Protein backbone atom coordinates (compact mmCIF):
# COMPACT_ATOMS: atom_id res chain seq x y z
CA MET A 1 0.09 0.32 0.26
CA VAL A 2 1.24 3.65 -0.83
CA THR A 3 1.09 5.85 2.18
CA ARG A 4 -0.22 9.42 1.57
CA SER A 5 2.01 10.88 4.52
CA PRO A 6 3.95 13.79 3.34
CA ARG A 7 6.80 12.63 5.04
CA LYS A 8 6.92 9.74 4.25
CA GLN A 9 6.62 11.01 0.58
CA ARG A 10 9.49 13.00 1.18
CA LYS A 11 11.71 10.15 2.73
CA LYS A 12 11.04 7.59 -0.23
CA LEU A 13 11.78 10.53 -2.64
CA TYR A 14 15.06 11.55 -0.58
CA LYS A 15 16.31 7.66 -0.61
CA MET A 16 15.31 6.94 -3.98
CA PRO A 17 18.31 5.17 -5.75
CA GLN A 18 19.67 7.09 -8.65
CA HIS A 19 18.44 5.19 -11.41
CA ARG A 20 15.01 5.85 -10.61
CA ARG A 21 15.24 9.18 -10.31
CA HIS A 22 14.68 9.41 -13.72
CA LYS A 23 11.06 8.95 -13.58
CA VAL A 24 10.61 11.82 -11.58
CA LEU A 25 12.15 14.14 -13.68
CA GLN A 26 9.39 14.44 -15.52
CA ALA A 27 7.99 17.83 -17.64
CA PRO A 28 4.97 18.44 -18.66
CA LEU A 29 4.23 18.38 -22.53
CA ASN A 30 2.67 21.63 -24.31
CA SER A 31 -0.29 21.30 -26.22
CA GLU A 32 1.38 20.53 -29.61
CA LEU A 33 3.29 17.73 -28.50
CA ARG A 34 0.53 16.35 -26.22
CA GLY A 35 -1.26 15.82 -29.17
CA GLN A 36 1.14 14.39 -31.19
CA TYR A 37 2.41 11.67 -28.35
CA GLY A 38 -0.94 11.56 -26.55
CA ALA A 39 1.19 11.48 -23.41
CA HIS A 40 0.68 14.71 -20.78
CA SER A 41 4.30 14.84 -19.58
CA MET A 42 7.87 12.71 -20.58
CA PRO A 43 11.05 12.55 -18.66
CA VAL A 44 13.63 15.48 -19.64
CA ARG A 45 16.72 14.86 -21.52
CA LYS A 46 19.96 17.24 -22.21
CA GLY A 47 19.21 18.97 -25.12
CA ASP A 48 15.14 19.13 -25.16
CA LYS A 49 13.57 22.29 -25.56
CA VAL A 50 11.89 24.27 -22.27
CA ARG A 51 9.61 27.10 -21.27
CA ILE A 52 9.81 28.28 -17.88
CA THR A 53 6.10 27.99 -16.48
CA ARG A 54 7.09 29.02 -12.64
CA GLY A 55 9.41 31.19 -10.35
CA ASP A 56 11.94 34.25 -11.58
CA TYR A 57 12.26 33.14 -15.29
CA VAL A 58 8.58 32.74 -15.96
CA GLY A 59 8.11 32.27 -19.91
CA HIS A 60 12.15 32.07 -20.64
CA GLU A 61 12.91 29.57 -23.15
CA GLY A 62 15.81 27.49 -23.85
CA GLU A 63 17.82 24.28 -23.97
CA ILE A 64 18.24 21.88 -20.66
CA THR A 65 22.18 22.09 -20.43
CA HIS A 66 22.76 20.06 -17.16
CA ILE A 67 20.47 17.42 -15.22
CA ASP A 68 20.92 17.06 -11.27
CA ARG A 69 19.27 13.77 -10.38
CA LYS A 70 20.33 14.15 -6.60
CA ALA A 71 18.71 16.90 -6.29
CA THR A 72 16.05 16.60 -8.70
CA LYS A 73 16.77 19.82 -10.46
CA ILE A 74 17.67 20.98 -13.90
CA ASN A 75 19.47 24.02 -15.29
CA VAL A 76 18.24 25.56 -18.64
CA GLU A 77 20.34 27.69 -20.87
CA GLY A 78 20.38 31.81 -20.25
CA ALA A 79 18.73 31.18 -16.84
CA THR A 80 20.92 32.36 -14.26
CA ILE A 81 21.40 34.38 -11.26
CA GLU A 82 24.40 36.88 -10.37
CA LYS A 83 26.17 36.10 -7.05
CA THR A 84 27.29 38.84 -4.57
CA ASP A 85 31.37 38.81 -6.02
CA GLY A 86 29.68 39.24 -9.80
CA THR A 87 30.24 36.10 -11.12
CA GLU A 88 27.19 33.92 -12.52
CA ARG A 89 25.92 30.73 -12.35
CA SER A 90 23.36 28.67 -13.44
CA TYR A 91 19.32 28.68 -11.92
CA SER A 92 18.44 25.40 -10.67
CA ILE A 93 14.57 24.38 -11.73
CA HIS A 94 12.64 21.83 -10.70
CA PRO A 95 11.24 19.90 -14.11
CA SER A 96 7.53 20.10 -13.54
CA ASN A 97 8.18 24.12 -13.49
CA VAL A 98 8.93 23.73 -17.37
CA GLU A 99 6.91 22.91 -20.06
CA ILE A 100 8.73 20.86 -23.05
CA THR A 101 8.07 22.84 -26.51
CA GLN A 102 10.52 20.12 -28.72
CA LEU A 103 12.31 17.35 -27.67
CA GLY A 104 16.07 17.47 -28.28
CA THR A 105 17.55 14.07 -29.03
CA THR A 106 15.55 11.24 -30.18
CA ASP A 107 17.83 8.53 -29.50
CA GLU A 108 17.42 4.80 -29.84
CA MET A 109 16.43 4.46 -26.48
CA ARG A 110 14.01 7.40 -26.24
CA LYS A 111 12.18 6.28 -29.56
CA LYS A 112 11.92 2.22 -27.67
CA SER A 113 10.46 3.87 -24.85
CA ILE A 114 8.10 6.13 -27.31
CA GLU A 115 7.21 2.98 -28.78
CA LYS A 116 6.84 0.90 -25.79
CA LYS A 117 4.43 3.31 -24.28
CA GLY A 118 2.05 3.50 -27.54
CA TRP A 119 3.48 7.98 -27.52
């Protein structure tokens, strides 16, 4: 049985093995891709083009440059923060706060998963 307790849900997420976190790193598709693949969301990959829907960079579009499975965050090209010493660093965003506008790489593994799920 799956628990409904928020504390246990967070614990399950934090203790999840790295190879299973790929499933958690999903982002919703835009309406055009939803109709094309018949799915609401897909796991994000480096190279996908996304639009940020929440946070300080709402409306910003860019390519995914880095995925951090441990922190469950992604970095989008062009979304940066200026630090106090003047240098810039990339702004980390949770994948649920972006919308995939264009799939980047369509390698064999992604093609197989699309065919397998009937997307």
